[in-house]
Amino acid sequence: MISRSPGPDEAGSLDPVTGAGVTTIVLAEDHALVREGTRQILSAQSDLRVVGEAARGDEAVRVVLELRPDVVLMDMRMPGMNGIEATRQILARAPATKVVIVSAHEDADYVREALAVGAAGYILKTAPARELVEGIRAVAVGSLVLSPSLSWRLAQSRDEPARASDRLSARELAVLREIALGHGNKEIARDLGISLRTVEGHLHNIFEKLRVTSRTEAVVYAANRGIVSIESTEAR
């Protein structure tokens, strides 16, 4: 296992330039060269800090549960446990941590599987460094991040032509757009002037009508049909 704990000046520290909180990161990748390159990219950013590493999927789970980072960069295929199962286990026990799959696989089935277990993003290994950096910043504040080409692949692979807008009420569509902005239930209630219980009811209806099981799946489903837009990392 490759890991390290944050030093006294790392955990909960602030960016010396902006005064904003530093986003802590664990790298889960079985190729040492890729880990080293990623670490070098992130070390150049004052608001991002790698606090731990793992070369196996099962080790990634242990490291994350020990260090509780803000974000995990997770490879799809690793020895010990694949990235999907590692993501599932991490989010079941550390739900505040955001997991971003970083993979060479562009197949829509891989992307859907990752999102279905709760991944907050899917970035291709062919992406430029800027896309990775901005993607981490985006998921840290609650956004969903996909490499630009992946939304198109997801849309092309869909078999069901029905439009989300034909299924949802005006209020449910408003809640869905709030979700796409990364807003939590309290923010949605405030923005729309409704109660938390009403927000929860709308979320239940959205999931039922779209036949999805998570907020992320609902946003991706609607984005593929032009109902909401997912801000790509290139536009940030």
Protein backbone atom coordinates (compact mmCIF):
# COMPACT_ATOMS: atom_id res chain seq x y z
CA MET A 1 0.00 0.00 0.00
CA ILE A 2 1.22 3.47 -0.88
CA SER A 3 -0.17 6.12 1.39
CA ARG A 4 0.75 9.06 3.49
CA SER A 5 -1.15 11.06 6.05
CA PRO A 6 -1.50 14.82 5.77
CA GLY A 7 0.99 16.80 7.78
CA PRO A 8 -0.05 19.33 10.41
CA ASP A 9 -0.04 22.12 7.82
CA GLU A 10 -2.08 20.16 5.26
CA ALA A 11 -5.28 18.91 6.85
CA GLY A 12 -7.84 21.67 6.86
CA SER A 13 -5.30 24.18 5.55
CA LEU A 14 -5.97 27.24 3.42
CA ASP A 15 -4.65 28.32 0.06
CA PRO A 16 -2.00 30.95 0.92
CA VAL A 17 -2.91 32.94 -2.19
CA THR A 18 -6.72 33.01 -2.08
CA GLY A 19 -7.39 32.07 1.55
CA ALA A 20 -9.81 29.39 0.31
CA GLY A 21 -9.80 25.83 1.63
CA VAL A 22 -7.38 23.37 0.11
CA THR A 23 -8.97 20.35 -1.61
CA THR A 24 -7.35 17.13 -0.40
CA ILE A 25 -6.94 14.29 -2.89
CA VAL A 26 -6.13 10.58 -2.91
CA LEU A 27 -4.72 9.03 -6.09
CA ALA A 28 -5.85 5.46 -6.82
CA GLU A 29 -3.86 4.21 -9.82
CA ASP A 30 -1.82 1.04 -10.30
CA HIS A 31 0.75 2.53 -12.70
CA ALA A 32 3.46 4.37 -10.78
CA LEU A 33 4.36 6.55 -13.74
CA VAL A 34 0.78 7.78 -14.08
CA ARG A 35 0.57 8.49 -10.34
CA GLU A 36 3.80 10.46 -10.44
CA GLY A 37 2.69 12.51 -13.44
CA THR A 38 -0.69 13.26 -11.86
CA ARG A 39 0.94 14.23 -8.56
CA GLN A 40 3.25 16.66 -10.36
CA ILE A 41 0.32 18.27 -12.17
CA LEU A 42 -1.63 18.73 -8.95
CA SER A 43 1.35 19.90 -6.89
CA ALA A 44 1.58 22.96 -9.12
CA GLN A 45 -1.84 24.08 -7.83
CA SER A 46 -1.86 25.85 -4.47
CA ASP A 47 -5.48 24.86 -3.75
CA LEU A 48 -5.04 21.12 -4.45
CA ARG A 49 -3.05 18.70 -2.32
CA VAL A 50 -2.38 14.98 -2.73
CA VAL A 51 -2.51 13.42 0.74
CA GLY A 52 -2.45 9.73 -0.12
CA GLU A 53 -1.97 7.16 -2.86
CA ALA A 54 -2.93 3.56 -3.55
CA ALA A 55 -1.92 1.10 -6.24
CA ARG A 56 -4.76 -1.38 -5.65
CA GLY A 57 -8.51 -0.98 -5.45
CA ASP A 58 -8.84 -2.56 -2.00
CA GLU A 59 -5.98 -0.38 -0.74
CA ALA A 60 -7.73 2.69 -2.14
CA VAL A 61 -10.73 1.95 0.04
CA ARG A 62 -8.55 1.64 3.15
CA VAL A 63 -6.56 4.79 2.40
CA VAL A 64 -9.66 6.87 1.76
CA LEU A 65 -11.39 5.67 4.93
CA GLU A 66 -8.26 6.54 6.90
CA LEU A 67 -7.56 9.97 5.38
CA ARG A 68 -11.11 11.09 4.41
CA PRO A 69 -10.00 13.24 1.44
CA ASP A 70 -12.29 15.62 -0.39
CA VAL A 71 -11.72 13.93 -3.75
CA VAL A 72 -10.48 10.56 -5.01
CA LEU A 73 -9.07 10.13 -8.52
CA MET A 74 -9.94 6.51 -9.25
CA ASP A 75 -8.61 4.32 -12.04
CA MET A 76 -11.17 1.96 -13.55
CA ARG A 77 -9.03 -1.18 -13.61
CA MET A 78 -6.73 -2.03 -10.71
CA PRO A 79 -5.58 -5.22 -8.99
CA GLY A 80 -7.38 -6.27 -5.82
CA MET A 81 -10.65 -4.52 -6.70
CA ASN A 82 -11.88 -2.63 -9.73
CA GLY A 83 -12.60 1.08 -9.59
CA ILE A 84 -16.38 0.63 -9.69
CA GLU A 85 -16.50 -1.61 -6.63
CA ALA A 86 -13.95 0.57 -4.81
CA THR A 87 -16.11 3.61 -5.53
CA ARG A 88 -19.21 1.81 -4.27
CA GLN A 89 -17.51 0.85 -1.01
CA ILE A 90 -15.97 4.27 -0.45
CA LEU A 91 -19.23 6.15 -0.95
CA ALA A 92 -21.13 3.74 1.29
CA ARG A 93 -18.79 4.56 4.17
CA ALA A 94 -17.48 8.03 3.33
CA PRO A 95 -20.33 9.72 1.44
CA ALA A 96 -18.82 13.19 1.73
CA THR A 97 -15.86 12.16 -0.45
CA LYS A 98 -16.23 12.81 -4.18
CA VAL A 99 -14.93 10.12 -6.53
CA VAL A 100 -13.80 10.95 -10.06
CA ILE A 101 -13.08 8.06 -12.39
CA VAL A 102 -9.97 8.73 -14.48
CA SER A 103 -9.89 6.13 -17.21
CA ALA A 104 -8.78 5.33 -20.74
CA HIS A 105 -12.15 3.67 -21.40
CA GLU A 106 -14.59 5.81 -23.42
CA ASP A 107 -17.35 3.22 -23.70
CA ALA A 108 -20.72 4.60 -22.57
CA ASP A 109 -21.41 1.48 -20.50
CA TYR A 110 -18.36 2.19 -18.33
CA VAL A 111 -19.48 5.78 -17.83
CA ARG A 112 -23.05 4.82 -16.92
CA GLU A 113 -21.82 2.18 -14.48
CA ALA A 114 -19.54 4.69 -12.77
CA LEU A 115 -22.30 7.28 -12.46
CA ALA A 116 -24.77 4.66 -11.24
CA VAL A 117 -22.60 3.85 -8.20
CA GLY A 118 -22.27 7.54 -7.36
CA ALA A 119 -19.10 8.79 -9.06
CA ALA A 120 -19.08 12.58 -9.32
CA GLY A 121 -17.21 12.60 -12.58
CA TYR A 122 -15.53 10.67 -15.37
CA ILE A 123 -12.43 12.15 -16.99
CA LEU A 124 -10.49 10.48 -19.76
CA LYS A 125 -6.76 9.85 -19.36
CA THR A 126 -6.28 11.57 -22.71
CA ALA A 127 -7.66 14.83 -21.26
CA PRO A 128 -5.32 17.82 -20.91
CA ALA A 129 -4.01 18.67 -17.45
CA ARG A 130 -6.23 21.75 -17.25
CA GLU A 131 -9.35 19.63 -17.66
CA LEU A 132 -8.31 17.39 -14.77
CA VAL A 133 -7.47 20.32 -12.49
CA GLU A 134 -10.69 22.17 -13.23
CA GLY A 135 -12.66 18.95 -12.95
CA ILE A 136 -11.37 18.37 -9.43
CA ARG A 137 -12.31 21.90 -8.44
CA ALA A 138 -15.77 21.45 -9.92
CA VAL A 139 -16.63 18.20 -8.17
CA ALA A 140 -15.26 19.57 -4.88
CA VAL A 141 -18.07 22.15 -4.89
CA GLY A 142 -20.78 19.71 -5.94
CA SER A 143 -20.78 19.71 -9.74
CA LEU A 144 -20.87 16.70 -12.03
CA VAL A 145 -17.95 16.52 -14.45
CA LEU A 146 -17.62 14.55 -17.67
CA SER A 147 -14.99 14.82 -20.37
CA PRO A 148 -16.71 16.69 -23.22
CA SER A 149 -16.86 13.72 -25.61
CA LEU A 150 -18.58 11.48 -23.08
CA SER A 151 -21.92 13.31 -22.96
CA TRP A 152 -22.24 12.76 -26.70
CA ARG A 153 -21.38 9.07 -26.36
CA LEU A 154 -23.98 8.64 -23.64
CA ALA A 155 -26.63 10.35 -25.75
CA GLN A 156 -25.82 8.21 -28.80
CA SER A 157 -26.07 4.99 -26.82
CA ARG A 158 -29.49 5.65 -25.36
CA ASP A 159 -32.21 3.32 -26.65
CA GLU A 160 -35.19 5.10 -25.13
CA PRO A 161 -36.37 8.11 -27.19
CA ALA A 162 -38.95 9.52 -24.80
CA ARG A 163 -38.31 13.09 -23.71
CA ALA A 164 -37.80 13.90 -20.02
CA SER A 165 -39.72 17.15 -20.44
CA ASP A 166 -42.84 15.18 -21.39
CA ARG A 167 -42.71 13.25 -18.14
CA LEU A 168 -41.90 15.95 -15.59
CA SER A 169 -44.03 18.77 -14.24
CA ALA A 170 -42.80 22.36 -14.42
CA ARG A 171 -41.83 22.24 -10.75
CA GLU A 172 -40.02 18.92 -11.14
CA LEU A 173 -38.07 20.38 -14.07
CA ALA A 174 -37.12 23.35 -11.90
CA VAL A 175 -35.85 21.00 -9.19
CA LEU A 176 -33.92 19.00 -11.79
CA ARG A 177 -32.20 22.14 -13.05
CA GLU A 178 -31.26 23.02 -9.48
CA ILE A 179 -29.73 19.56 -9.06
CA ALA A 180 -27.70 20.11 -12.23
CA LEU A 181 -26.22 23.22 -10.61
CA GLY A 182 -24.98 21.06 -7.74
CA HIS A 183 -27.46 22.49 -5.23
CA GLY A 184 -28.45 20.50 -2.15
CA ASN A 185 -32.01 20.16 -0.87
CA LYS A 186 -31.80 23.21 1.41
CA GLU A 187 -30.56 25.40 -1.45
CA ILE A 188 -33.29 24.10 -3.73
CA ALA A 189 -35.95 24.80 -1.11
CA ARG A 190 -34.64 28.33 -0.65
CA ASP A 191 -34.31 29.08 -4.35
CA LEU A 192 -37.77 27.77 -5.25
CA GLY A 193 -39.55 28.96 -2.10
CA ILE A 194 -40.75 25.50 -1.10
CA SER A 195 -40.28 23.25 1.92
CA LEU A 196 -37.63 20.57 2.30
CA ARG A 197 -40.38 17.95 2.40
CA THR A 198 -41.72 19.22 -0.91
CA VAL A 199 -38.22 19.07 -2.44
CA GLU A 200 -37.88 15.47 -1.28
CA GLY A 201 -41.26 14.64 -2.82
CA HIS A 202 -40.24 16.16 -6.14
CA LEU A 203 -36.96 14.22 -6.09
CA HIS A 204 -38.86 10.98 -5.51
CA ASN A 205 -41.14 11.73 -8.45
CA ILE A 206 -38.20 12.63 -10.70
CA PHE A 207 -36.43 9.37 -9.90
CA GLU A 208 -39.61 7.37 -10.50
CA LYS A 209 -40.49 9.07 -13.79
CA LEU A 210 -36.98 8.91 -15.22
CA ARG A 211 -36.37 5.44 -13.82
CA VAL A 212 -33.08 6.43 -12.20
CA THR A 213 -31.73 5.86 -8.70
CA SER A 214 -29.53 8.88 -8.02
CA ARG A 215 -29.30 12.63 -8.55
CA THR A 216 -26.30 12.11 -10.83
CA GLU A 217 -28.17 9.67 -13.07
CA ALA A 218 -31.11 12.07 -13.28
CA VAL A 219 -28.88 14.95 -14.39
CA VAL A 220 -27.07 12.85 -16.99
CA TYR A 221 -30.38 11.52 -18.33
CA ALA A 222 -31.80 15.03 -18.68
CA ALA A 223 -28.57 16.51 -20.05
CA ASN A 224 -28.53 13.93 -22.83
CA ARG A 225 -31.96 15.22 -23.89
CA GLY A 226 -31.16 18.92 -23.68
CA ILE A 227 -33.31 19.54 -20.61
CA VAL A 228 -30.39 20.67 -18.46
CA SER A 229 -26.78 21.42 -19.26
CA ILE A 230 -23.72 20.02 -17.51
CA GLU A 231 -21.04 22.72 -17.47
CA SER A 232 -18.03 21.11 -19.09
CA THR A 233 -14.70 21.64 -17.44
CA GLU A 234 -13.44 23.42 -20.56
CA ALA A 235 -15.93 26.20 -20.02
CA ARG A 236 -15.01 26.88 -16.43
